[in-house]
């Protein structure tokens, strides 16, 4: 089955890539989750739009990715104030990638795409956590996130 990816799928491709997958994988996983669309002649125009949007968001090249990774490593632990927590430090809710991205930006770090973050499971407790960012297929960066409870 020939499909056009609309989102980044690990071990398969990036948005705008035309891939050949097994019928069941495409029909039962990729299409229902809207990670891909069927490759048709009319979809060629959509591919151009998807690739253009991807280029705007994407890190320019390997050198730029290494530069951003160096910026992230030089940051002190990023402070994030969660909405509320119990006395034992357990959060009411969890920390989202969008909150982490805005905390990095507020700490003076680079602008990141929330979809490139890899959180260590769900962050549901205060304390220090290590967050990974996939900047480029060859460059991953880690930084420390300090989660604290906001004043009630």
C-alpha atoms as a PDB file:
ATOM      1  CA  UNK A   1       0.000   0.000   0.000  1.00  0.00           C
ATOM      2  CA  UNK A   2       1.405   3.361  -1.006  1.00  0.00           C
ATOM      3  CA  UNK A   3       0.797   6.191   1.500  1.00  0.00           C
ATOM      4  CA  UNK A   4       1.831   9.795   2.077  1.00  0.00           C
ATOM      5  CA  UNK A   5       2.807  10.495   5.681  1.00  0.00           C
ATOM      6  CA  UNK A   6       1.153  13.506   7.337  1.00  0.00           C
ATOM      7  CA  UNK A   7       3.040  13.201  10.634  1.00  0.00           C
ATOM      8  CA  UNK A   8       6.419  11.978  11.820  1.00  0.00           C
ATOM      9  CA  UNK A   9       6.306   8.193  12.266  1.00  0.00           C
ATOM     10  CA  UNK A  10       9.339   6.671  13.958  1.00  0.00           C
ATOM     11  CA  UNK A  11      11.267   4.157  11.849  1.00  0.00           C
ATOM     12  CA  UNK A  12       9.153   5.022   8.802  1.00  0.00           C
ATOM     13  CA  UNK A  13       9.500   8.644   7.718  1.00  0.00           C
ATOM     14  CA  UNK A  14       8.645  12.296   8.086  1.00  0.00           C
ATOM     15  CA  UNK A  15       5.635  14.315   6.918  1.00  0.00           C
ATOM     16  CA  UNK A  16       5.437  14.469   3.136  1.00  0.00           C
ATOM     17  CA  UNK A  17       7.332  11.228   2.537  1.00  0.00           C
ATOM     18  CA  UNK A  18       5.756   8.693   0.197  1.00  0.00           C
ATOM     19  CA  UNK A  19       6.183   5.221   1.712  1.00  0.00           C
ATOM     20  CA  UNK A  20       5.247   1.668   0.804  1.00  0.00           C
ATOM     21  CA  UNK A  21       3.835  -0.295   3.770  1.00  0.00           C
ATOM     22  CA  UNK A  22       1.957  -3.556   4.317  1.00  0.00           C
ATOM     23  CA  UNK A  23      -1.788  -3.269   3.771  1.00  0.00           C
ATOM     24  CA  UNK A  24      -2.753  -4.104   7.359  1.00  0.00           C
ATOM     25  CA  UNK A  25      -0.333  -1.600   8.894  1.00  0.00           C
ATOM     26  CA  UNK A  26      -1.613   1.159   6.662  1.00  0.00           C
ATOM     27  CA  UNK A  27      -5.294   0.306   6.940  1.00  0.00           C
ATOM     28  CA  UNK A  28      -5.387  -0.512  10.676  1.00  0.00           C
ATOM     29  CA  UNK A  29      -2.797   1.867  12.146  1.00  0.00           C
ATOM     30  CA  UNK A  30      -1.660   4.743   9.931  1.00  0.00           C
ATOM     31  CA  UNK A  31      -4.936   5.733   8.260  1.00  0.00           C
ATOM     32  CA  UNK A  32      -7.254   5.620  11.346  1.00  0.00           C
ATOM     33  CA  UNK A  33      -4.788   7.726  13.374  1.00  0.00           C
ATOM     34  CA  UNK A  34      -4.493  10.176  10.460  1.00  0.00           C
ATOM     35  CA  UNK A  35      -0.741   9.670  10.296  1.00  0.00           C
ATOM     36  CA  UNK A  36      -0.987   9.102   6.547  1.00  0.00           C
ATOM     37  CA  UNK A  37      -3.247   9.573   3.542  1.00  0.00           C
ATOM     38  CA  UNK A  38      -3.565   7.326   0.484  1.00  0.00           C
ATOM     39  CA  UNK A  39      -1.140   8.228  -2.297  1.00  0.00           C
ATOM     40  CA  UNK A  40      -3.214   9.409  -5.249  1.00  0.00           C
ATOM     41  CA  UNK A  41      -2.504  11.742  -8.135  1.00  0.00           C
ATOM     42  CA  UNK A  42      -4.421  14.554  -6.434  1.00  0.00           C
ATOM     43  CA  UNK A  43      -2.448  14.067  -3.247  1.00  0.00           C
ATOM     44  CA  UNK A  44       0.742  15.199  -5.011  1.00  0.00           C
ATOM     45  CA  UNK A  45      -0.281  18.823  -4.378  1.00  0.00           C
ATOM     46  CA  UNK A  46      -0.792  18.069  -0.707  1.00  0.00           C
ATOM     47  CA  UNK A  47       2.707  16.581  -0.536  1.00  0.00           C
ATOM     48  CA  UNK A  48       4.190  19.890  -1.653  1.00  0.00           C
ATOM     49  CA  UNK A  49       2.234  21.783   1.022  1.00  0.00           C
ATOM     50  CA  UNK A  50       3.193  19.278   3.745  1.00  0.00           C
ATOM     51  CA  UNK A  51       6.880  19.427   2.801  1.00  0.00           C
ATOM     52  CA  UNK A  52       6.846  23.229   2.759  1.00  0.00           C
ATOM     53  CA  UNK A  53       5.311  23.337   6.262  1.00  0.00           C
ATOM     54  CA  UNK A  54       7.872  20.775   7.446  1.00  0.00           C
ATOM     55  CA  UNK A  55      10.781  22.844   6.142  1.00  0.00           C
ATOM     56  CA  UNK A  56       9.588  25.877   8.083  1.00  0.00           C
ATOM     57  CA  UNK A  57       9.477  23.907  11.360  1.00  0.00           C
ATOM     58  CA  UNK A  58      12.528  21.745  10.758  1.00  0.00           C
ATOM     59  CA  UNK A  59      16.004  22.468  11.958  1.00  0.00           C
ATOM     60  CA  UNK A  60      18.003  23.726   8.980  1.00  0.00           C
ATOM     61  CA  UNK A  61      20.860  21.224   8.978  1.00  0.00           C
ATOM     62  CA  UNK A  62      23.168  19.106  11.129  1.00  0.00           C
ATOM     63  CA  UNK A  63      25.304  22.089  12.163  1.00  0.00           C
ATOM     64  CA  UNK A  64      22.241  24.034  13.282  1.00  0.00           C
ATOM     65  CA  UNK A  65      21.001  21.004  15.256  1.00  0.00           C
ATOM     66  CA  UNK A  66      24.356  20.718  17.048  1.00  0.00           C
ATOM     67  CA  UNK A  67      24.222  24.449  17.828  1.00  0.00           C
ATOM     68  CA  UNK A  68      20.755  24.085  19.396  1.00  0.00           C
ATOM     69  CA  UNK A  69      21.925  21.005  21.348  1.00  0.00           C
ATOM     70  CA  UNK A  70      24.828  23.034  22.758  1.00  0.00           C
ATOM     71  CA  UNK A  71      22.400  25.781  23.809  1.00  0.00           C
ATOM     72  CA  UNK A  72      20.211  23.238  25.605  1.00  0.00           C
ATOM     73  CA  UNK A  73      23.168  21.663  27.421  1.00  0.00           C
ATOM     74  CA  UNK A  74      24.416  25.052  28.584  1.00  0.00           C
ATOM     75  CA  UNK A  75      21.053  25.926  30.146  1.00  0.00           C
ATOM     76  CA  UNK A  76      20.701  25.626  33.908  1.00  0.00           C
ATOM     77  CA  UNK A  77      17.871  23.269  34.962  1.00  0.00           C
ATOM     78  CA  UNK A  78      14.679  24.618  33.394  1.00  0.00           C
ATOM     79  CA  UNK A  79      12.162  25.661  36.051  1.00  0.00           C
ATOM     80  CA  UNK A  80       8.524  24.714  35.531  1.00  0.00           C
ATOM     81  CA  UNK A  81       5.836  25.644  38.012  1.00  0.00           C
ATOM     82  CA  UNK A  82       3.015  23.083  37.888  1.00  0.00           C
ATOM     83  CA  UNK A  83      -0.571  24.017  38.640  1.00  0.00           C
ATOM     84  CA  UNK A  84      -1.016  22.241  41.959  1.00  0.00           C
ATOM     85  CA  UNK A  85       0.412  19.324  43.883  1.00  0.00           C
ATOM     86  CA  UNK A  86      -0.358  17.320  46.989  1.00  0.00           C
ATOM     87  CA  UNK A  87       1.749  17.587  50.136  1.00  0.00           C
ATOM     88  CA  UNK A  88       3.715  14.507  49.033  1.00  0.00           C
ATOM     89  CA  UNK A  89       4.724  16.192  45.742  1.00  0.00           C
ATOM     90  CA  UNK A  90       2.317  14.371  43.444  1.00  0.00           C
ATOM     91  CA  UNK A  91       0.878  16.656  40.745  1.00  0.00           C
ATOM     92  CA  UNK A  92      -2.837  17.005  40.059  1.00  0.00           C
ATOM     93  CA  UNK A  93      -2.532  16.236  36.357  1.00  0.00           C
ATOM     94  CA  UNK A  94       0.693  15.905  34.404  1.00  0.00           C
ATOM     95  CA  UNK A  95       3.202  18.124  32.645  1.00  0.00           C
ATOM     96  CA  UNK A  96       2.587  18.429  28.892  1.00  0.00           C
ATOM     97  CA  UNK A  97       5.191  18.872  26.146  1.00  0.00           C
ATOM     98  CA  UNK A  98       3.722  22.305  25.336  1.00  0.00           C
ATOM     99  CA  UNK A  99       4.367  23.431  28.931  1.00  0.00           C
ATOM    100  CA  UNK A 100       7.951  22.165  28.725  1.00  0.00           C
ATOM    101  CA  UNK A 101       8.552  24.035  25.446  1.00  0.00           C
ATOM    102  CA  UNK A 102       7.251  27.298  26.909  1.00  0.00           C
ATOM    103  CA  UNK A 103       9.388  26.797  30.050  1.00  0.00           C
ATOM    104  CA  UNK A 104      12.514  26.274  27.905  1.00  0.00           C
ATOM    105  CA  UNK A 105      11.703  29.425  25.948  1.00  0.00           C
ATOM    106  CA  UNK A 106      11.130  31.382  29.188  1.00  0.00           C
ATOM    107  CA  UNK A 107      14.499  30.166  30.519  1.00  0.00           C
ATOM    108  CA  UNK A 108      16.234  31.704  27.513  1.00  0.00           C
ATOM    109  CA  UNK A 109      16.540  28.507  25.504  1.00  0.00           C
ATOM    110  CA  UNK A 110      15.818  27.950  21.811  1.00  0.00           C
ATOM    111  CA  UNK A 111      12.347  27.617  20.323  1.00  0.00           C
ATOM    112  CA  UNK A 112      11.531  23.897  20.148  1.00  0.00           C
ATOM    113  CA  UNK A 113       8.759  21.934  18.498  1.00  0.00           C
ATOM    114  CA  UNK A 114       6.690  20.090  21.108  1.00  0.00           C
ATOM    115  CA  UNK A 115       6.513  17.024  18.858  1.00  0.00           C
ATOM    116  CA  UNK A 116      10.287  16.541  19.073  1.00  0.00           C
ATOM    117  CA  UNK A 117      10.253  16.183  22.880  1.00  0.00           C
ATOM    118  CA  UNK A 118      10.466  12.813  24.577  1.00  0.00           C
ATOM    119  CA  UNK A 119       9.249  13.005  28.149  1.00  0.00           C
ATOM    120  CA  UNK A 120      10.269  10.254  30.606  1.00  0.00           C
ATOM    121  CA  UNK A 121       6.778   8.759  30.784  1.00  0.00           C
ATOM    122  CA  UNK A 122       4.203  11.085  32.255  1.00  0.00           C
ATOM    123  CA  UNK A 123       5.666  13.679  34.593  1.00  0.00           C
ATOM    124  CA  UNK A 124       3.288  13.509  37.550  1.00  0.00           C
ATOM    125  CA  UNK A 125       5.588  14.452  40.435  1.00  0.00           C
ATOM    126  CA  UNK A 126       7.678  17.417  41.490  1.00  0.00           C
ATOM    127  CA  UNK A 127      11.455  17.175  41.306  1.00  0.00           C
ATOM    128  CA  UNK A 128      14.082  16.827  38.583  1.00  0.00           C
ATOM    129  CA  UNK A 129      13.371  15.027  35.332  1.00  0.00           C
ATOM    130  CA  UNK A 130      15.489  14.505  32.211  1.00  0.00           C
ATOM    131  CA  UNK A 131      13.815  15.449  28.927  1.00  0.00           C
ATOM    132  CA  UNK A 132      15.152  14.395  25.509  1.00  0.00           C
ATOM    133  CA  UNK A 133      14.782  16.355  22.277  1.00  0.00           C
ATOM    134  CA  UNK A 134      15.276  14.871  18.803  1.00  0.00           C
ATOM    135  CA  UNK A 135      16.618  17.830  16.846  1.00  0.00           C
ATOM    136  CA  UNK A 136      17.870  15.961  13.782  1.00  0.00           C
ATOM    137  CA  UNK A 137      17.994  12.282  12.816  1.00  0.00           C
ATOM    138  CA  UNK A 138      21.614  12.273  14.030  1.00  0.00           C
ATOM    139  CA  UNK A 139      21.335  14.709  16.977  1.00  0.00           C
ATOM    140  CA  UNK A 140      19.544  14.172  20.278  1.00  0.00           C
ATOM    141  CA  UNK A 141      19.890  16.528  23.231  1.00  0.00           C
ATOM    142  CA  UNK A 142      18.962  16.141  26.893  1.00  0.00           C
ATOM    143  CA  UNK A 143      18.219  18.808  29.473  1.00  0.00           C
ATOM    144  CA  UNK A 144      17.108  18.883  33.093  1.00  0.00           C
ATOM    145  CA  UNK A 145      13.591  19.986  34.017  1.00  0.00           C
ATOM    146  CA  UNK A 146      12.883  21.069  37.599  1.00  0.00           C
ATOM    147  CA  UNK A 147       9.168  20.752  38.355  1.00  0.00           C
ATOM    148  CA  UNK A 148       7.846  22.572  41.396  1.00  0.00           C
ATOM    149  CA  UNK A 149       4.354  23.123  42.738  1.00  0.00           C
ATOM    150  CA  UNK A 150       2.884  26.591  42.411  1.00  0.00           C
ATOM    151  CA  UNK A 151       1.631  28.393  45.487  1.00  0.00           C
ATOM    152  CA  UNK A 152      -1.963  27.492  46.251  1.00  0.00           C
END
